[in-house]
Amino acid sequence: MSIEESVKKLIEKPIKALGYTDIEVKYVKEFGTQYLHVYVDRDDVIDLDDIVKVNDLVSPILDEADLIQNEYVLDVTSFGAEKPIKVSCLEKYVGKYINVHLTNPYKGLNYLEGDLVSVNEKEVTLSYKEKTRLITANLNRDDIDKARLAIKF
């Protein structure tokens, strides 16, 4: 089992008990320093106080388990403003501005970015701008292989 898998197994249950729904762990070397990145997500907004709570929960657990023998920096964070969305969970994001990647292009486009209007089992409706025109695209849900929140400019 990798360090990432071992750490996730150790901290996942306590973090989920705080109400977080998704946890990801990455152990990487960046600029000569080892980092243990712990990403957390939930349906509500995550602020700095939330990150501090998770850090304060995770740090002693990791210290006690002593899984990582080398020096490292613990970095607890959220997935950010453009967090990935599971295609199976698109219903939660109706009304949000999103970016989708399509396996079968829509009008020659592999990527679309716009407001998620509606979602059902087979179809996703996205409203996006093409120059100055507002276009409503009805997309086959099976054609979407990736989705993420996006920032509207």
N, C-alpha and C. Protein backbone atom coordinates (compact mmCIF):
# COMPACT_ATOMS: atom_id res chain seq x y z
N MET A 1 0.85 -1.18 0.00
CA MET A 1 0.00 0.00 0.00
C MET A 1 0.90 1.24 0.00
N SER A 2 0.58 2.21 -0.85
CA SER A 2 1.38 3.44 -0.95
C SER A 2 1.15 4.32 0.28
N ILE A 3 2.03 5.31 0.45
CA ILE A 3 1.89 6.27 1.55
C ILE A 3 0.54 6.98 1.44
N GLU A 4 0.19 7.38 0.21
CA GLU A 4 -1.07 8.09 -0.01
C GLU A 4 -2.27 7.24 0.43
N GLU A 5 -2.26 5.97 0.03
CA GLU A 5 -3.38 5.08 0.39
C GLU A 5 -3.42 4.85 1.90
N SER A 6 -2.26 4.67 2.52
CA SER A 6 -2.19 4.45 3.96
C SER A 6 -2.70 5.66 4.74
N VAL A 7 -2.28 6.85 4.31
CA VAL A 7 -2.71 8.08 4.98
C VAL A 7 -4.22 8.27 4.81
N LYS A 8 -4.70 8.06 3.60
CA LYS A 8 -6.14 8.24 3.34
C LYS A 8 -6.96 7.29 4.21
N LYS A 9 -6.53 6.05 4.29
CA LYS A 9 -7.24 5.05 5.10
C LYS A 9 -7.28 5.48 6.57
N LEU A 10 -6.21 6.09 7.02
CA LEU A 10 -6.09 6.51 8.42
C LEU A 10 -6.96 7.73 8.75
N ILE A 11 -7.05 8.69 7.83
CA ILE A 11 -7.72 9.97 8.14
C ILE A 11 -9.11 10.12 7.55
N GLU A 12 -9.49 9.23 6.63
CA GLU A 12 -10.76 9.41 5.93
C GLU A 12 -11.98 9.39 6.86
N LYS A 13 -12.06 8.42 7.74
CA LYS A 13 -13.23 8.31 8.62
C LYS A 13 -13.38 9.52 9.55
N PRO A 14 -12.31 9.97 10.23
CA PRO A 14 -12.46 11.16 11.08
C PRO A 14 -12.83 12.42 10.29
N ILE A 15 -12.29 12.57 9.08
CA ILE A 15 -12.62 13.75 8.28
C ILE A 15 -14.07 13.69 7.81
N LYS A 16 -14.52 12.51 7.40
CA LYS A 16 -15.91 12.38 6.97
C LYS A 16 -16.88 12.62 8.14
N ALA A 17 -16.44 12.30 9.35
CA ALA A 17 -17.27 12.55 10.53
C ALA A 17 -17.51 14.05 10.73
N LEU A 18 -16.63 14.89 10.17
CA LEU A 18 -16.81 16.35 10.23
C LEU A 18 -17.76 16.86 9.14
N GLY A 19 -18.22 15.95 8.27
CA GLY A 19 -19.17 16.35 7.23
C GLY A 19 -18.58 16.51 5.85
N TYR A 20 -17.34 16.14 5.65
CA TYR A 20 -16.73 16.23 4.33
C TYR A 20 -17.08 14.98 3.53
N THR A 21 -17.27 15.16 2.23
CA THR A 21 -17.75 14.06 1.39
C THR A 21 -16.66 13.46 0.51
N ASP A 22 -15.61 14.21 0.26
CA ASP A 22 -14.56 13.73 -0.63
C ASP A 22 -13.21 14.11 -0.07
N ILE A 23 -12.28 13.13 -0.07
CA ILE A 23 -10.94 13.35 0.45
C ILE A 23 -9.95 12.78 -0.56
N GLU A 24 -8.91 13.56 -0.84
CA GLU A 24 -7.86 13.07 -1.72
C GLU A 24 -6.52 13.38 -1.06
N VAL A 25 -5.57 12.45 -1.20
CA VAL A 25 -4.25 12.62 -0.59
C VAL A 25 -3.19 12.47 -1.68
N LYS A 26 -2.25 13.41 -1.69
CA LYS A 26 -1.11 13.37 -2.62
C LYS A 26 0.16 13.58 -1.82
N TYR A 27 1.15 12.71 -2.05
CA TYR A 27 2.46 12.85 -1.42
C TYR A 27 3.46 13.10 -2.54
N VAL A 28 3.97 14.33 -2.61
CA VAL A 28 4.81 14.73 -3.73
C VAL A 28 6.01 15.55 -3.27
N LYS A 29 7.01 15.57 -4.13
CA LYS A 29 8.18 16.43 -3.89
C LYS A 29 8.05 17.64 -4.80
N GLU A 30 8.07 18.83 -4.18
CA GLU A 30 7.96 20.08 -4.93
C GLU A 30 9.07 21.01 -4.48
N PHE A 31 9.88 21.45 -5.41
CA PHE A 31 10.96 22.38 -5.13
C PHE A 31 11.86 21.88 -4.00
N GLY A 32 12.15 20.59 -4.01
CA GLY A 32 13.06 20.00 -3.03
C GLY A 32 12.45 19.68 -1.68
N THR A 33 11.16 19.91 -1.51
CA THR A 33 10.48 19.64 -0.23
C THR A 33 9.36 18.62 -0.44
N GLN A 34 9.25 17.68 0.48
CA GLN A 34 8.15 16.70 0.43
C GLN A 34 6.89 17.33 1.00
N TYR A 35 5.79 17.18 0.29
CA TYR A 35 4.50 17.70 0.73
C TYR A 35 3.49 16.56 0.81
N LEU A 36 2.70 16.60 1.86
CA LEU A 36 1.54 15.73 1.97
C LEU A 36 0.32 16.64 1.82
N HIS A 37 -0.28 16.62 0.62
CA HIS A 37 -1.45 17.44 0.35
C HIS A 37 -2.70 16.63 0.70
N VAL A 38 -3.56 17.21 1.51
CA VAL A 38 -4.84 16.60 1.85
C VAL A 38 -5.92 17.55 1.34
N TYR A 39 -6.67 17.10 0.34
CA TYR A 39 -7.75 17.89 -0.25
C TYR A 39 -9.08 17.41 0.32
N VAL A 40 -9.92 18.35 0.73
CA VAL A 40 -11.23 18.00 1.27
C VAL A 40 -12.33 18.74 0.51
N ASP A 41 -13.51 18.14 0.50
CA ASP A 41 -14.64 18.76 -0.20
C ASP A 41 -15.93 18.40 0.52
N ARG A 42 -16.91 19.26 0.34
CA ARG A 42 -18.27 19.03 0.81
C ARG A 42 -19.18 19.95 0.00
N ASP A 43 -20.47 19.80 0.18
CA ASP A 43 -21.42 20.60 -0.59
C ASP A 43 -21.40 22.07 -0.18
N ASP A 44 -21.17 22.38 1.09
CA ASP A 44 -21.13 23.76 1.57
C ASP A 44 -19.79 24.40 1.23
N VAL A 45 -19.75 25.71 1.34
CA VAL A 45 -18.51 26.47 1.14
C VAL A 45 -17.50 26.07 2.21
N ILE A 46 -16.25 25.98 1.81
CA ILE A 46 -15.17 25.67 2.76
C ILE A 46 -14.35 26.94 2.96
N ASP A 47 -14.23 27.37 4.22
CA ASP A 47 -13.45 28.58 4.50
C ASP A 47 -12.19 28.22 5.29
N LEU A 48 -11.43 29.22 5.64
CA LEU A 48 -10.16 29.00 6.33
C LEU A 48 -10.35 28.30 7.68
N ASP A 49 -11.42 28.63 8.40
CA ASP A 49 -11.69 27.97 9.68
C ASP A 49 -11.88 26.46 9.48
N ASP A 50 -12.53 26.08 8.39
CA ASP A 50 -12.73 24.66 8.10
C ASP A 50 -11.39 23.97 7.85
N ILE A 51 -10.52 24.63 7.11
CA ILE A 51 -9.20 24.07 6.81
C ILE A 51 -8.40 23.89 8.10
N VAL A 52 -8.48 24.86 8.98
CA VAL A 52 -7.78 24.78 10.27
C VAL A 52 -8.31 23.61 11.09
N LYS A 53 -9.64 23.42 11.12
CA LYS A 53 -10.24 22.29 11.86
C LYS A 53 -9.72 20.96 11.34
N VAL A 54 -9.70 20.81 10.01
CA VAL A 54 -9.22 19.55 9.43
C VAL A 54 -7.74 19.36 9.73
N ASN A 55 -6.96 20.42 9.60
CA ASN A 55 -5.53 20.34 9.90
C ASN A 55 -5.30 19.92 11.35
N ASP A 56 -6.04 20.56 12.27
CA ASP A 56 -5.90 20.24 13.69
C ASP A 56 -6.35 18.81 14.01
N LEU A 57 -7.25 18.28 13.22
CA LEU A 57 -7.69 16.89 13.39
C LEU A 57 -6.65 15.92 12.85
N VAL A 58 -6.15 16.20 11.67
CA VAL A 58 -5.27 15.27 10.94
C VAL A 58 -3.85 15.23 11.51
N SER A 59 -3.32 16.36 11.88
CA SER A 59 -1.92 16.45 12.31
C SER A 59 -1.57 15.48 13.44
N PRO A 60 -2.32 15.45 14.55
CA PRO A 60 -1.96 14.50 15.61
C PRO A 60 -2.15 13.03 15.20
N ILE A 61 -3.11 12.76 14.34
CA ILE A 61 -3.31 11.39 13.86
C ILE A 61 -2.08 10.93 13.09
N LEU A 62 -1.57 11.80 12.22
CA LEU A 62 -0.39 11.47 11.43
C LEU A 62 0.85 11.36 12.31
N ASP A 63 0.96 12.25 13.29
CA ASP A 63 2.11 12.19 14.21
C ASP A 63 2.13 10.87 14.98
N GLU A 64 0.97 10.46 15.45
CA GLU A 64 0.89 9.21 16.23
C GLU A 64 1.17 7.99 15.36
N ALA A 65 0.64 7.95 14.16
CA ALA A 65 0.82 6.80 13.27
C ALA A 65 2.25 6.72 12.74
N ASP A 66 2.90 7.88 12.57
CA ASP A 66 4.29 7.95 12.12
C ASP A 66 4.53 7.12 10.85
N LEU A 67 3.64 7.30 9.86
CA LEU A 67 3.74 6.56 8.60
C LEU A 67 4.84 7.07 7.68
N ILE A 68 5.16 8.35 7.80
CA ILE A 68 6.13 8.96 6.89
C ILE A 68 7.41 9.25 7.69
N GLN A 69 8.49 8.60 7.31
CA GLN A 69 9.75 8.72 8.05
C GLN A 69 10.51 10.00 7.70
N ASN A 70 10.32 10.52 6.50
CA ASN A 70 11.02 11.73 6.07
C ASN A 70 10.30 12.97 6.56
N GLU A 71 11.03 14.11 6.55
CA GLU A 71 10.39 15.39 6.84
C GLU A 71 9.44 15.73 5.71
N TYR A 72 8.30 16.32 6.08
CA TYR A 72 7.33 16.73 5.06
C TYR A 72 6.51 17.90 5.58
N VAL A 73 5.86 18.58 4.66
CA VAL A 73 4.97 19.68 5.01
C VAL A 73 3.54 19.19 4.79
N LEU A 74 2.71 19.31 5.81
CA LEU A 74 1.30 18.96 5.69
C LEU A 74 0.56 20.17 5.13
N ASP A 75 -0.15 19.95 4.03
CA ASP A 75 -0.91 21.01 3.37
C ASP A 75 -2.36 20.56 3.23
N VAL A 76 -3.24 21.10 4.07
CA VAL A 76 -4.67 20.79 4.00
C VAL A 76 -5.34 21.92 3.23
N THR A 77 -6.13 21.56 2.25
CA THR A 77 -6.78 22.56 1.41
C THR A 77 -8.06 22.00 0.81
N SER A 78 -8.83 22.87 0.15
CA SER A 78 -10.01 22.41 -0.58
C SER A 78 -9.62 22.21 -2.04
N PHE A 79 -10.52 21.69 -2.83
CA PHE A 79 -10.25 21.50 -4.25
C PHE A 79 -10.26 22.82 -5.01
N GLY A 80 -10.74 23.89 -4.39
CA GLY A 80 -10.68 25.21 -4.98
C GLY A 80 -11.94 25.61 -5.73
N ALA A 81 -11.90 26.81 -6.29
CA ALA A 81 -13.06 27.39 -6.97
C ALA A 81 -13.43 26.64 -8.24
N GLU A 82 -12.47 25.95 -8.83
CA GLU A 82 -12.74 25.19 -10.05
C GLU A 82 -12.61 23.69 -9.78
N LYS A 83 -13.22 23.26 -8.69
CA LYS A 83 -13.09 21.86 -8.30
C LYS A 83 -13.76 20.93 -9.31
N PRO A 84 -13.21 19.73 -9.46
CA PRO A 84 -13.83 18.75 -10.34
C PRO A 84 -15.19 18.32 -9.80
N ILE A 85 -16.09 17.97 -10.72
CA ILE A 85 -17.43 17.51 -10.36
C ILE A 85 -17.59 16.11 -10.94
N LYS A 86 -18.09 15.20 -10.16
CA LYS A 86 -18.42 13.88 -10.69
C LYS A 86 -19.64 14.02 -11.58
N VAL A 87 -19.57 13.46 -12.78
CA VAL A 87 -20.68 13.56 -13.72
C VAL A 87 -21.95 12.96 -13.10
N SER A 88 -21.78 11.97 -12.27
CA SER A 88 -22.95 11.34 -11.62
C SER A 88 -23.61 12.27 -10.60
N CYS A 89 -22.94 13.35 -10.22
CA CYS A 89 -23.47 14.28 -9.21
C CYS A 89 -23.83 15.65 -9.79
N LEU A 90 -24.00 15.75 -11.09
CA LEU A 90 -24.28 17.04 -11.72
C LEU A 90 -25.55 17.71 -11.18
N GLU A 91 -26.52 16.93 -10.74
CA GLU A 91 -27.78 17.50 -10.24
C GLU A 91 -27.55 18.51 -9.13
N LYS A 92 -26.53 18.30 -8.31
CA LYS A 92 -26.23 19.20 -7.19
C LYS A 92 -25.80 20.59 -7.66
N TYR A 93 -25.40 20.69 -8.93
CA TYR A 93 -24.80 21.93 -9.41
C TYR A 93 -25.68 22.70 -10.39
N VAL A 94 -26.97 22.38 -10.46
CA VAL A 94 -27.89 23.14 -11.31
C VAL A 94 -27.87 24.60 -10.84
N GLY A 95 -27.75 25.51 -11.81
CA GLY A 95 -27.67 26.93 -11.49
C GLY A 95 -26.24 27.44 -11.36
N LYS A 96 -25.27 26.54 -11.35
CA LYS A 96 -23.86 26.92 -11.23
C LYS A 96 -23.23 27.05 -12.62
N TYR A 97 -22.14 27.78 -12.67
CA TYR A 97 -21.37 27.96 -13.90
C TYR A 97 -20.32 26.84 -13.94
N ILE A 98 -20.36 26.01 -15.00
CA ILE A 98 -19.49 24.84 -15.07
C ILE A 98 -18.80 24.75 -16.43
N ASN A 99 -17.80 23.88 -16.47
CA ASN A 99 -17.08 23.55 -17.69
C ASN A 99 -17.22 22.04 -17.87
N VAL A 100 -17.57 21.62 -19.08
CA VAL A 100 -17.68 20.18 -19.37
C VAL A 100 -16.80 19.82 -20.55
N HIS A 101 -16.24 18.62 -20.50
CA HIS A 101 -15.50 18.06 -21.62
C HIS A 101 -16.36 16.96 -22.23
N LEU A 102 -16.49 17.00 -23.54
CA LEU A 102 -17.37 16.06 -24.25
C LEU A 102 -16.57 15.04 -25.04
N THR A 103 -17.01 13.80 -25.01
CA THR A 103 -16.37 12.76 -25.82
C THR A 103 -16.87 12.84 -27.26
N ASN A 104 -18.09 13.29 -27.47
CA ASN A 104 -18.65 13.54 -28.80
C ASN A 104 -18.92 15.03 -28.88
N PRO A 105 -18.18 15.75 -29.73
CA PRO A 105 -18.31 17.21 -29.78
C PRO A 105 -19.73 17.69 -30.06
N TYR A 106 -20.04 18.86 -29.50
CA TYR A 106 -21.31 19.54 -29.75
C TYR A 106 -21.00 20.72 -30.66
N LYS A 107 -21.54 20.68 -31.87
CA LYS A 107 -21.27 21.73 -32.88
C LYS A 107 -19.77 21.98 -33.03
N GLY A 108 -19.01 20.89 -33.03
CA GLY A 108 -17.56 20.98 -33.22
C GLY A 108 -16.78 21.35 -31.97
N LEU A 109 -17.45 21.52 -30.84
CA LEU A 109 -16.78 21.92 -29.60
C LEU A 109 -16.60 20.73 -28.66
N ASN A 110 -15.38 20.54 -28.18
CA ASN A 110 -15.10 19.49 -27.20
C ASN A 110 -15.33 19.96 -25.77
N TYR A 111 -15.22 21.28 -25.56
CA TYR A 111 -15.43 21.88 -24.24
C TYR A 111 -16.54 22.91 -24.33
N LEU A 112 -17.38 22.93 -23.32
CA LEU A 112 -18.40 23.98 -23.20
C LEU A 112 -18.34 24.52 -21.78
N GLU A 113 -18.58 25.81 -21.65
CA GLU A 113 -18.59 26.44 -20.35
C GLU A 113 -19.80 27.35 -20.28
N GLY A 114 -20.64 27.12 -19.26
CA GLY A 114 -21.83 27.93 -19.13
C GLY A 114 -22.62 27.56 -17.88
N ASP A 115 -23.83 28.11 -17.80
CA ASP A 115 -24.71 27.84 -16.66
C ASP A 115 -25.41 26.52 -16.84
N LEU A 116 -25.37 25.69 -15.81
CA LEU A 116 -26.07 24.41 -15.84
C LEU A 116 -27.54 24.67 -15.56
N VAL A 117 -28.37 24.45 -16.59
CA VAL A 117 -29.79 24.78 -16.50
C VAL A 117 -30.60 23.64 -15.89
N SER A 118 -30.37 22.43 -16.39
CA SER A 118 -31.12 21.28 -15.86
C SER A 118 -30.35 19.99 -16.14
N VAL A 119 -30.72 18.96 -15.38
CA VAL A 119 -30.08 17.65 -15.51
C VAL A 119 -31.13 16.58 -15.28
N ASN A 120 -31.15 15.56 -16.14
CA ASN A 120 -31.95 14.37 -15.86
C ASN A 120 -31.09 13.14 -16.18
N GLU A 121 -31.66 11.98 -16.14
CA GLU A 121 -30.89 10.75 -16.33
C GLU A 121 -30.15 10.71 -17.66
N LYS A 122 -30.75 11.26 -18.72
CA LYS A 122 -30.16 11.14 -20.05
C LYS A 122 -29.60 12.43 -20.62
N GLU A 123 -30.06 13.58 -20.12
CA GLU A 123 -29.72 14.83 -20.78
C GLU A 123 -29.29 15.91 -19.78
N VAL A 124 -28.37 16.75 -20.23
CA VAL A 124 -27.89 17.90 -19.47
C VAL A 124 -28.11 19.13 -20.34
N THR A 125 -28.71 20.16 -19.77
CA THR A 125 -28.93 21.40 -20.50
C THR A 125 -28.00 22.47 -19.95
N LEU A 126 -27.23 23.04 -20.87
CA LEU A 126 -26.22 24.04 -20.52
C LEU A 126 -26.46 25.29 -21.36
N SER A 127 -26.45 26.44 -20.72
CA SER A 127 -26.63 27.71 -21.42
C SER A 127 -25.27 28.40 -21.49
N TYR A 128 -24.77 28.63 -22.72
CA TYR A 128 -23.46 29.24 -22.87
C TYR A 128 -23.50 30.37 -23.89
N LYS A 129 -22.47 31.22 -23.84
CA LYS A 129 -22.41 32.36 -24.76
C LYS A 129 -21.49 32.04 -25.93
N GLU A 130 -21.96 32.40 -27.11
CA GLU A 130 -21.14 32.34 -28.32
C GLU A 130 -21.12 33.75 -28.87
N LYS A 131 -20.02 34.44 -28.66
CA LYS A 131 -19.91 35.88 -28.93
C LYS A 131 -20.96 36.60 -28.08
N THR A 132 -21.99 37.20 -28.69
CA THR A 132 -22.99 37.92 -27.90
C THR A 132 -24.30 37.15 -27.76
N ARG A 133 -24.37 35.98 -28.38
CA ARG A 133 -25.61 35.19 -28.35
C ARG A 133 -25.59 34.18 -27.21
N LEU A 134 -26.73 34.02 -26.58
CA LEU A 134 -26.89 33.01 -25.54
C LEU A 134 -27.47 31.76 -26.19
N ILE A 135 -26.78 30.63 -26.06
CA ILE A 135 -27.19 29.38 -26.70
C ILE A 135 -27.49 28.35 -25.63
N THR A 136 -28.58 27.61 -25.84
CA THR A 136 -28.93 26.52 -24.94
C THR A 136 -28.57 25.21 -25.62
N ALA A 137 -27.70 24.44 -24.98
CA ALA A 137 -27.26 23.16 -25.53
C ALA A 137 -27.86 22.03 -24.73
N ASN A 138 -28.52 21.12 -25.41
CA ASN A 138 -29.02 19.89 -24.79
C ASN A 138 -28.01 18.80 -25.10
N LEU A 139 -27.31 18.35 -24.08
CA LEU A 139 -26.21 17.40 -24.24
C LEU A 139 -26.59 16.04 -23.72
N ASN A 140 -26.16 15.01 -24.42
CA ASN A 140 -26.34 13.65 -23.94
C ASN A 140 -25.42 13.48 -22.72
N ARG A 141 -25.98 13.08 -21.61
CA ARG A 141 -25.19 12.94 -20.38
C ARG A 141 -24.02 11.98 -20.56
N ASP A 142 -24.21 10.94 -21.36
CA ASP A 142 -23.15 9.96 -21.59
C ASP A 142 -21.97 10.54 -22.37
N ASP A 143 -22.18 11.67 -23.05
CA ASP A 143 -21.11 12.31 -23.80
C ASP A 143 -20.19 13.15 -22.93
N ILE A 144 -20.56 13.38 -21.69
CA ILE A 144 -19.74 14.18 -20.77
C ILE A 144 -18.83 13.25 -19.99
N ASP A 145 -17.52 13.43 -20.18
CA ASP A 145 -16.60 12.56 -19.43
C ASP A 145 -15.93 13.29 -18.27
N LYS A 146 -15.90 14.63 -18.31
CA LYS A 146 -15.32 15.42 -17.20
C LYS A 146 -16.14 16.68 -17.02
N ALA A 147 -16.20 17.12 -15.77
CA ALA A 147 -16.88 18.38 -15.46
C ALA A 147 -16.18 19.01 -14.27
N ARG A 148 -16.25 20.34 -14.23
CA ARG A 148 -15.69 21.07 -13.09
C ARG A 148 -16.43 22.38 -12.95
N LEU A 149 -16.39 22.94 -11.76
CA LEU A 149 -16.90 24.30 -11.59
C LEU A 149 -15.99 25.25 -12.36
N ALA A 150 -16.52 26.36 -12.78
CA ALA A 150 -15.72 27.33 -13.52
C ALA A 150 -15.98 28.73 -12.95
N ILE A 151 -15.08 29.62 -13.24
CA ILE A 151 -15.21 31.00 -12.81
C ILE A 151 -15.71 31.82 -13.99
N LYS A 152 -16.79 32.56 -13.77
CA LYS A 152 -17.39 33.35 -14.83
C LYS A 152 -16.72 34.72 -14.88
N PHE A 153 -16.23 35.07 -16.04
CA PHE A 153 -15.59 36.38 -16.22
C PHE A 153 -16.49 37.32 -16.97
